[in-house]
Amino acid sequence: MAKKKGNRIVIKMKSSESGFTYWTEKNRKNDPSRLEIKRYDPHLRKHVPFKEEK
């Protein structure tokens, strides 16, 4: 049987100040636009904005 296409997708979050990336999931129904979140960057050792990348 074919699997139903769900609302959750895996996305890549890239740091705005360094090249570090996080992989996470988002619900495409609740967040149809690109996501931007402040996360911890271990390269810089501080919190910086991370933007969704495709």
N, C-alpha and C. Protein backbone atom coordinates (compact mmCIF):
# COMPACT_ATOMS: atom_id res chain seq x y z
N MET A 1 0.83 -1.18 0.00
CA MET A 1 0.00 0.00 0.00
C MET A 1 0.88 1.25 0.00
N ALA A 2 0.39 2.28 -0.64
CA ALA A 2 1.11 3.56 -0.69
C ALA A 2 0.94 4.30 0.63
N LYS A 3 2.00 4.98 1.03
CA LYS A 3 1.96 5.74 2.27
C LYS A 3 1.37 7.13 2.01
N LYS A 4 0.49 7.58 2.90
CA LYS A 4 -0.13 8.88 2.77
C LYS A 4 0.91 9.98 2.99
N LYS A 5 0.85 11.02 2.19
CA LYS A 5 1.78 12.14 2.34
C LYS A 5 1.35 12.96 3.55
N GLY A 6 2.24 13.11 4.53
CA GLY A 6 1.90 13.79 5.76
C GLY A 6 2.17 15.28 5.70
N ASN A 7 1.85 15.96 6.79
CA ASN A 7 2.06 17.40 6.88
C ASN A 7 3.47 17.75 7.37
N ARG A 8 4.18 16.81 7.99
CA ARG A 8 5.50 17.11 8.54
C ARG A 8 6.57 16.80 7.51
N ILE A 9 7.51 17.75 7.34
CA ILE A 9 8.62 17.58 6.41
C ILE A 9 9.93 17.88 7.13
N VAL A 10 11.01 17.29 6.67
CA VAL A 10 12.34 17.53 7.22
C VAL A 10 12.93 18.74 6.51
N ILE A 11 13.46 19.70 7.29
CA ILE A 11 14.06 20.90 6.72
C ILE A 11 15.46 21.09 7.28
N LYS A 12 16.26 21.89 6.57
CA LYS A 12 17.61 22.23 7.01
C LYS A 12 17.62 23.69 7.45
N MET A 13 18.12 23.94 8.67
CA MET A 13 18.22 25.29 9.21
C MET A 13 19.69 25.69 9.18
N LYS A 14 20.02 26.81 8.51
CA LYS A 14 21.40 27.26 8.38
C LYS A 14 21.60 28.53 9.18
N SER A 15 22.74 28.61 9.88
CA SER A 15 23.08 29.77 10.68
C SER A 15 23.29 30.99 9.79
N SER A 16 22.85 32.16 10.27
CA SER A 16 23.03 33.39 9.50
C SER A 16 24.44 33.95 9.64
N GLU A 17 25.22 33.46 10.64
CA GLU A 17 26.56 34.01 10.87
C GLU A 17 27.68 33.02 10.61
N SER A 18 27.41 31.73 10.54
CA SER A 18 28.44 30.74 10.24
C SER A 18 27.83 29.68 9.32
N GLY A 19 28.56 28.65 9.01
CA GLY A 19 28.06 27.62 8.11
C GLY A 19 27.39 26.45 8.81
N PHE A 20 27.17 26.55 10.11
CA PHE A 20 26.60 25.44 10.87
C PHE A 20 25.14 25.22 10.50
N THR A 21 24.70 23.94 10.43
CA THR A 21 23.32 23.61 10.08
C THR A 21 22.70 22.66 11.09
N TYR A 22 21.40 22.83 11.31
CA TYR A 22 20.58 21.92 12.08
C TYR A 22 19.59 21.26 11.13
N TRP A 23 19.21 20.02 11.39
CA TRP A 23 18.12 19.35 10.67
C TRP A 23 16.96 19.23 11.65
N THR A 24 15.78 19.61 11.21
CA THR A 24 14.61 19.55 12.06
C THR A 24 13.37 19.29 11.20
N GLU A 25 12.21 19.17 11.83
CA GLU A 25 10.96 18.97 11.12
C GLU A 25 10.05 20.17 11.35
N LYS A 26 9.19 20.40 10.38
CA LYS A 26 8.16 21.42 10.56
C LYS A 26 6.85 20.92 9.97
N ASN A 27 5.76 21.47 10.46
CA ASN A 27 4.44 21.15 9.95
C ASN A 27 4.13 22.13 8.83
N ARG A 28 4.01 21.64 7.61
CA ARG A 28 3.81 22.54 6.46
C ARG A 28 2.42 23.18 6.47
N LYS A 29 1.49 22.64 7.22
CA LYS A 29 0.15 23.23 7.32
C LYS A 29 0.17 24.45 8.25
N ASN A 30 0.88 24.36 9.37
CA ASN A 30 0.94 25.46 10.34
C ASN A 30 1.95 26.53 9.95
N ASP A 31 3.05 26.15 9.26
CA ASP A 31 4.11 27.08 8.88
C ASP A 31 4.40 26.97 7.39
N PRO A 32 3.55 27.52 6.53
CA PRO A 32 3.79 27.37 5.09
C PRO A 32 4.96 28.20 4.58
N SER A 33 5.31 29.29 5.27
CA SER A 33 6.43 30.13 4.83
C SER A 33 7.74 29.61 5.42
N ARG A 34 8.84 30.24 5.04
CA ARG A 34 10.16 29.82 5.54
C ARG A 34 10.28 30.19 7.02
N LEU A 35 10.92 29.30 7.77
CA LEU A 35 11.04 29.43 9.21
C LEU A 35 12.32 30.17 9.57
N GLU A 36 12.28 30.99 10.62
CA GLU A 36 13.47 31.64 11.17
C GLU A 36 13.39 31.57 12.68
N ILE A 37 14.40 30.92 13.30
CA ILE A 37 14.41 30.67 14.74
C ILE A 37 15.79 31.00 15.29
N LYS A 38 15.85 31.52 16.52
CA LYS A 38 17.14 31.70 17.19
C LYS A 38 17.51 30.39 17.85
N ARG A 39 18.70 29.87 17.48
CA ARG A 39 19.19 28.60 18.03
C ARG A 39 20.64 28.80 18.46
N TYR A 40 21.17 27.84 19.21
CA TYR A 40 22.54 27.90 19.67
C TYR A 40 23.49 27.45 18.56
N ASP A 41 24.52 28.24 18.29
CA ASP A 41 25.54 27.91 17.29
C ASP A 41 26.81 27.50 18.05
N PRO A 42 27.19 26.22 18.00
CA PRO A 42 28.38 25.78 18.74
C PRO A 42 29.70 26.33 18.19
N HIS A 43 29.74 26.73 16.93
CA HIS A 43 30.96 27.30 16.36
C HIS A 43 31.23 28.68 16.96
N LEU A 44 30.18 29.48 17.14
CA LEU A 44 30.31 30.82 17.70
C LEU A 44 30.09 30.85 19.21
N ARG A 45 29.50 29.78 19.74
CA ARG A 45 29.17 29.65 21.16
C ARG A 45 28.23 30.75 21.64
N LYS A 46 27.20 31.02 20.82
CA LYS A 46 26.14 31.96 21.21
C LYS A 46 24.89 31.67 20.39
N HIS A 47 23.76 32.28 20.76
CA HIS A 47 22.51 32.12 20.03
C HIS A 47 22.47 33.10 18.86
N VAL A 48 22.14 32.59 17.69
CA VAL A 48 22.04 33.40 16.48
C VAL A 48 20.79 32.97 15.70
N PRO A 49 20.29 33.82 14.79
CA PRO A 49 19.14 33.41 13.97
C PRO A 49 19.52 32.34 12.95
N PHE A 50 18.68 31.32 12.85
CA PHE A 50 18.83 30.26 11.85
C PHE A 50 17.67 30.38 10.88
N LYS A 51 17.96 30.28 9.58
CA LYS A 51 16.92 30.41 8.55
C LYS A 51 16.76 29.09 7.82
N GLU A 52 15.53 28.82 7.42
CA GLU A 52 15.24 27.59 6.67
C GLU A 52 15.88 27.67 5.28
N GLU A 53 16.48 26.55 4.89
CA GLU A 53 17.15 26.46 3.60
C GLU A 53 16.60 25.26 2.85
N LYS A 54 16.51 25.35 1.53
CA LYS A 54 16.03 24.21 0.74
C LYS A 54 17.16 23.63 -0.06
